Structures are given as C-alpha cells and as structure tokens.
Amino acid sequence: MEALCPVCQKVMGEVSGHFHCSHCQGNYQQQAECPECGKPLQVLKACGAVDYFCQQGHGLISKSRVRFSYLPIP
C-alpha cells in the first residue's frame, strides 16, 4: 500500500518512523482509524503481528478494513 501525501497526492516515502513527501516537503505521521466510527485505533504489536483495536466498542478491526490518514508533524 502506497502512502499518498494529503496535500499534493504524490507517493510519500517512510523516513525514521514517519512519512516524508519529497514533492511538497511535508512530514506526516500515519494514524490508523476505525472504518465504523472514524476514531483513532489502538495499535497492538506482539510477536511480530500488528492488530488494531477500536476503544469505541467495535473491537478488533481487520488490517484490510483499517483506514489510514496522515497528520502533519509540526
């Protein structure tokens, strides 16, 4: 899955734990959001697996259903 810049829609590269757009020079943090309520998901990492949990009552969310947004890093 390619990360697209929220400003210019160009493909971003991952650099030191965040995303950088070389076209508009923006830096962004990826945020996983629940497809049901749009709230941020809790990311659970264990034994190399990554799971997503909605604290708003929707439970575990499959990685294939997670929506990702990109927030500017100040």
N, C-alpha and C. Protein backbone atom coordinates (compact mmCIF):
# COMPACT_ATOMS: atom_id res chain seq x y z
N MET A 1 0.84 -1.18 0.00
CA MET A 1 0.00 0.00 0.00
C MET A 1 0.89 1.24 0.00
N GLU A 2 0.67 2.11 -0.95
CA GLU A 2 1.44 3.35 -1.03
C GLU A 2 0.77 4.43 -0.19
N ALA A 3 1.59 5.21 0.49
CA ALA A 3 1.09 6.34 1.28
C ALA A 3 1.10 7.57 0.40
N LEU A 4 -0.08 8.17 0.21
CA LEU A 4 -0.19 9.36 -0.62
C LEU A 4 -0.23 10.61 0.25
N CYS A 5 0.48 11.62 -0.16
CA CYS A 5 0.53 12.89 0.56
C CYS A 5 -0.87 13.50 0.61
N PRO A 6 -1.33 13.94 1.80
CA PRO A 6 -2.66 14.54 1.89
C PRO A 6 -2.76 15.91 1.23
N VAL A 7 -1.62 16.53 0.90
CA VAL A 7 -1.62 17.85 0.28
C VAL A 7 -1.56 17.76 -1.25
N CYS A 8 -0.55 17.04 -1.76
CA CYS A 8 -0.35 17.02 -3.21
C CYS A 8 -0.66 15.67 -3.87
N GLN A 9 -1.01 14.65 -3.08
CA GLN A 9 -1.39 13.31 -3.58
C GLN A 9 -0.26 12.56 -4.25
N LYS A 10 1.01 12.95 -4.02
CA LYS A 10 2.16 12.22 -4.53
C LYS A 10 2.53 11.12 -3.54
N VAL A 11 3.20 10.09 -4.00
CA VAL A 11 3.63 8.99 -3.14
C VAL A 11 4.70 9.49 -2.17
N MET A 12 4.53 9.14 -0.89
CA MET A 12 5.49 9.54 0.15
C MET A 12 6.40 8.36 0.48
N GLY A 13 7.57 8.68 1.00
CA GLY A 13 8.50 7.66 1.47
C GLY A 13 8.55 7.65 2.98
N GLU A 14 8.82 6.49 3.55
CA GLU A 14 8.92 6.38 5.01
C GLU A 14 10.36 6.68 5.42
N VAL A 15 10.51 7.60 6.38
CA VAL A 15 11.82 8.02 6.86
C VAL A 15 11.79 8.11 8.37
N SER A 16 12.61 7.33 9.05
CA SER A 16 12.75 7.39 10.51
C SER A 16 11.42 7.38 11.26
N GLY A 17 10.51 6.49 10.88
CA GLY A 17 9.26 6.33 11.61
C GLY A 17 8.14 7.29 11.22
N HIS A 18 8.35 8.11 10.22
CA HIS A 18 7.29 8.99 9.73
C HIS A 18 7.35 9.01 8.20
N PHE A 19 6.41 9.69 7.58
CA PHE A 19 6.38 9.78 6.12
C PHE A 19 6.80 11.17 5.68
N HIS A 20 7.55 11.20 4.56
CA HIS A 20 8.04 12.47 4.01
C HIS A 20 7.65 12.56 2.54
N CYS A 21 7.09 13.71 2.16
CA CYS A 21 6.77 13.97 0.76
C CYS A 21 7.88 14.81 0.16
N SER A 22 8.60 14.24 -0.78
CA SER A 22 9.71 14.97 -1.40
C SER A 22 9.21 16.03 -2.38
N HIS A 23 7.95 15.93 -2.78
CA HIS A 23 7.40 16.92 -3.72
C HIS A 23 7.05 18.23 -3.01
N CYS A 24 6.32 18.17 -1.88
CA CYS A 24 5.93 19.41 -1.18
C CYS A 24 6.68 19.59 0.14
N GLN A 25 7.61 18.67 0.43
CA GLN A 25 8.48 18.75 1.61
C GLN A 25 7.74 18.60 2.94
N GLY A 26 6.56 17.99 2.94
CA GLY A 26 5.78 17.79 4.17
C GLY A 26 6.20 16.53 4.90
N ASN A 27 6.06 16.53 6.23
CA ASN A 27 6.32 15.37 7.08
C ASN A 27 5.02 15.01 7.77
N TYR A 28 4.70 13.70 7.77
CA TYR A 28 3.40 13.24 8.27
C TYR A 28 3.54 11.99 9.11
N GLN A 29 2.68 11.89 10.11
CA GLN A 29 2.58 10.71 10.97
C GLN A 29 1.35 9.93 10.53
N GLN A 30 1.49 8.62 10.34
CA GLN A 30 0.37 7.78 9.94
C GLN A 30 -0.52 7.51 11.14
N GLN A 31 -1.84 7.57 10.94
CA GLN A 31 -2.79 7.27 12.01
C GLN A 31 -3.80 6.26 11.49
N ALA A 32 -3.98 5.16 12.23
CA ALA A 32 -4.98 4.15 11.87
C ALA A 32 -6.32 4.58 12.44
N GLU A 33 -7.39 4.50 11.61
CA GLU A 33 -8.72 4.91 12.04
C GLU A 33 -9.73 3.80 11.80
N CYS A 34 -10.72 3.72 12.69
CA CYS A 34 -11.78 2.72 12.60
C CYS A 34 -12.67 3.02 11.40
N PRO A 35 -12.98 2.00 10.58
CA PRO A 35 -13.85 2.22 9.43
C PRO A 35 -15.30 2.46 9.83
N GLU A 36 -15.67 2.10 11.05
CA GLU A 36 -17.04 2.26 11.54
C GLU A 36 -17.30 3.66 12.10
N CYS A 37 -16.39 4.13 12.98
CA CYS A 37 -16.64 5.40 13.68
C CYS A 37 -15.64 6.50 13.34
N GLY A 38 -14.55 6.16 12.65
CA GLY A 38 -13.57 7.16 12.26
C GLY A 38 -12.63 7.60 13.37
N LYS A 39 -12.74 7.00 14.54
CA LYS A 39 -11.86 7.34 15.67
C LYS A 39 -10.52 6.62 15.53
N PRO A 40 -9.45 7.19 16.13
CA PRO A 40 -8.14 6.51 16.09
C PRO A 40 -8.19 5.14 16.76
N LEU A 41 -7.48 4.21 16.17
CA LEU A 41 -7.40 2.85 16.70
C LEU A 41 -6.17 2.68 17.56
N GLN A 42 -6.28 1.79 18.53
CA GLN A 42 -5.12 1.42 19.34
C GLN A 42 -4.37 0.35 18.54
N VAL A 43 -3.07 0.54 18.39
CA VAL A 43 -2.24 -0.41 17.64
C VAL A 43 -1.61 -1.37 18.65
N LEU A 44 -1.85 -2.67 18.46
CA LEU A 44 -1.33 -3.70 19.35
C LEU A 44 -0.27 -4.49 18.59
N LYS A 45 0.95 -4.53 19.13
CA LYS A 45 2.05 -5.25 18.48
C LYS A 45 2.55 -6.33 19.43
N ALA A 46 2.62 -7.58 18.93
CA ALA A 46 3.13 -8.69 19.73
C ALA A 46 3.63 -9.79 18.79
N CYS A 47 4.78 -10.30 19.08
CA CYS A 47 5.36 -11.42 18.34
C CYS A 47 5.39 -11.17 16.83
N GLY A 48 5.64 -9.94 16.43
CA GLY A 48 5.73 -9.61 15.02
C GLY A 48 4.39 -9.32 14.35
N ALA A 49 3.29 -9.56 15.05
CA ALA A 49 1.96 -9.30 14.49
C ALA A 49 1.48 -7.90 14.90
N VAL A 50 0.70 -7.27 14.04
CA VAL A 50 0.12 -5.97 14.34
C VAL A 50 -1.40 -6.11 14.25
N ASP A 51 -2.08 -5.74 15.33
CA ASP A 51 -3.54 -5.77 15.37
C ASP A 51 -4.05 -4.38 15.69
N TYR A 52 -5.31 -4.13 15.36
CA TYR A 52 -5.92 -2.83 15.58
C TYR A 52 -7.18 -3.01 16.41
N PHE A 53 -7.34 -2.19 17.44
CA PHE A 53 -8.47 -2.31 18.35
C PHE A 53 -9.19 -0.98 18.48
N CYS A 54 -10.51 -1.00 18.32
CA CYS A 54 -11.33 0.21 18.48
C CYS A 54 -11.83 0.27 19.91
N GLN A 55 -11.48 1.33 20.61
CA GLN A 55 -11.91 1.50 22.00
C GLN A 55 -13.33 2.06 22.11
N GLN A 56 -13.97 2.29 20.97
CA GLN A 56 -15.33 2.83 20.96
C GLN A 56 -16.38 1.72 20.89
N GLY A 57 -15.95 0.47 21.04
CA GLY A 57 -16.90 -0.64 21.08
C GLY A 57 -16.97 -1.49 19.83
N HIS A 58 -16.11 -1.24 18.85
CA HIS A 58 -16.14 -2.03 17.63
C HIS A 58 -15.14 -3.19 17.66
N GLY A 59 -14.38 -3.32 18.75
CA GLY A 59 -13.48 -4.46 18.94
C GLY A 59 -12.28 -4.47 18.00
N LEU A 60 -11.79 -5.69 17.73
CA LEU A 60 -10.66 -5.85 16.83
C LEU A 60 -11.09 -5.54 15.40
N ILE A 61 -10.25 -4.82 14.69
CA ILE A 61 -10.52 -4.43 13.31
C ILE A 61 -9.47 -5.08 12.41
N SER A 62 -9.91 -5.75 11.39
CA SER A 62 -9.02 -6.39 10.44
C SER A 62 -8.15 -5.35 9.74
N LYS A 63 -6.89 -5.69 9.53
CA LYS A 63 -5.96 -4.77 8.86
C LYS A 63 -6.48 -4.35 7.49
N SER A 64 -7.19 -5.24 6.82
CA SER A 64 -7.72 -4.92 5.48
C SER A 64 -8.83 -3.87 5.53
N ARG A 65 -9.44 -3.66 6.71
CA ARG A 65 -10.52 -2.68 6.84
C ARG A 65 -10.07 -1.35 7.44
N VAL A 66 -8.87 -1.31 7.99
CA VAL A 66 -8.37 -0.10 8.65
C VAL A 66 -8.19 1.01 7.62
N ARG A 67 -8.62 2.23 7.98
CA ARG A 67 -8.38 3.41 7.15
C ARG A 67 -7.17 4.13 7.74
N PHE A 68 -6.28 4.59 6.89
CA PHE A 68 -5.12 5.32 7.35
C PHE A 68 -5.21 6.77 6.91
N SER A 69 -4.89 7.67 7.84
CA SER A 69 -4.81 9.08 7.49
C SER A 69 -3.39 9.54 7.85
N TYR A 70 -3.03 10.70 7.35
CA TYR A 70 -1.68 11.22 7.57
C TYR A 70 -1.78 12.62 8.16
N LEU A 71 -1.27 12.75 9.38
CA LEU A 71 -1.34 14.01 10.11
C LEU A 71 -0.02 14.75 10.01
N PRO A 72 -0.06 16.06 9.77
CA PRO A 72 1.18 16.83 9.69
C PRO A 72 1.95 16.80 11.00
N ILE A 73 3.26 16.70 10.90
CA ILE A 73 4.13 16.77 12.08
C ILE A 73 4.59 18.22 12.19
N PRO A 74 4.30 18.87 13.34
CA PRO A 74 4.70 20.28 13.49
C PRO A 74 6.21 20.46 13.54
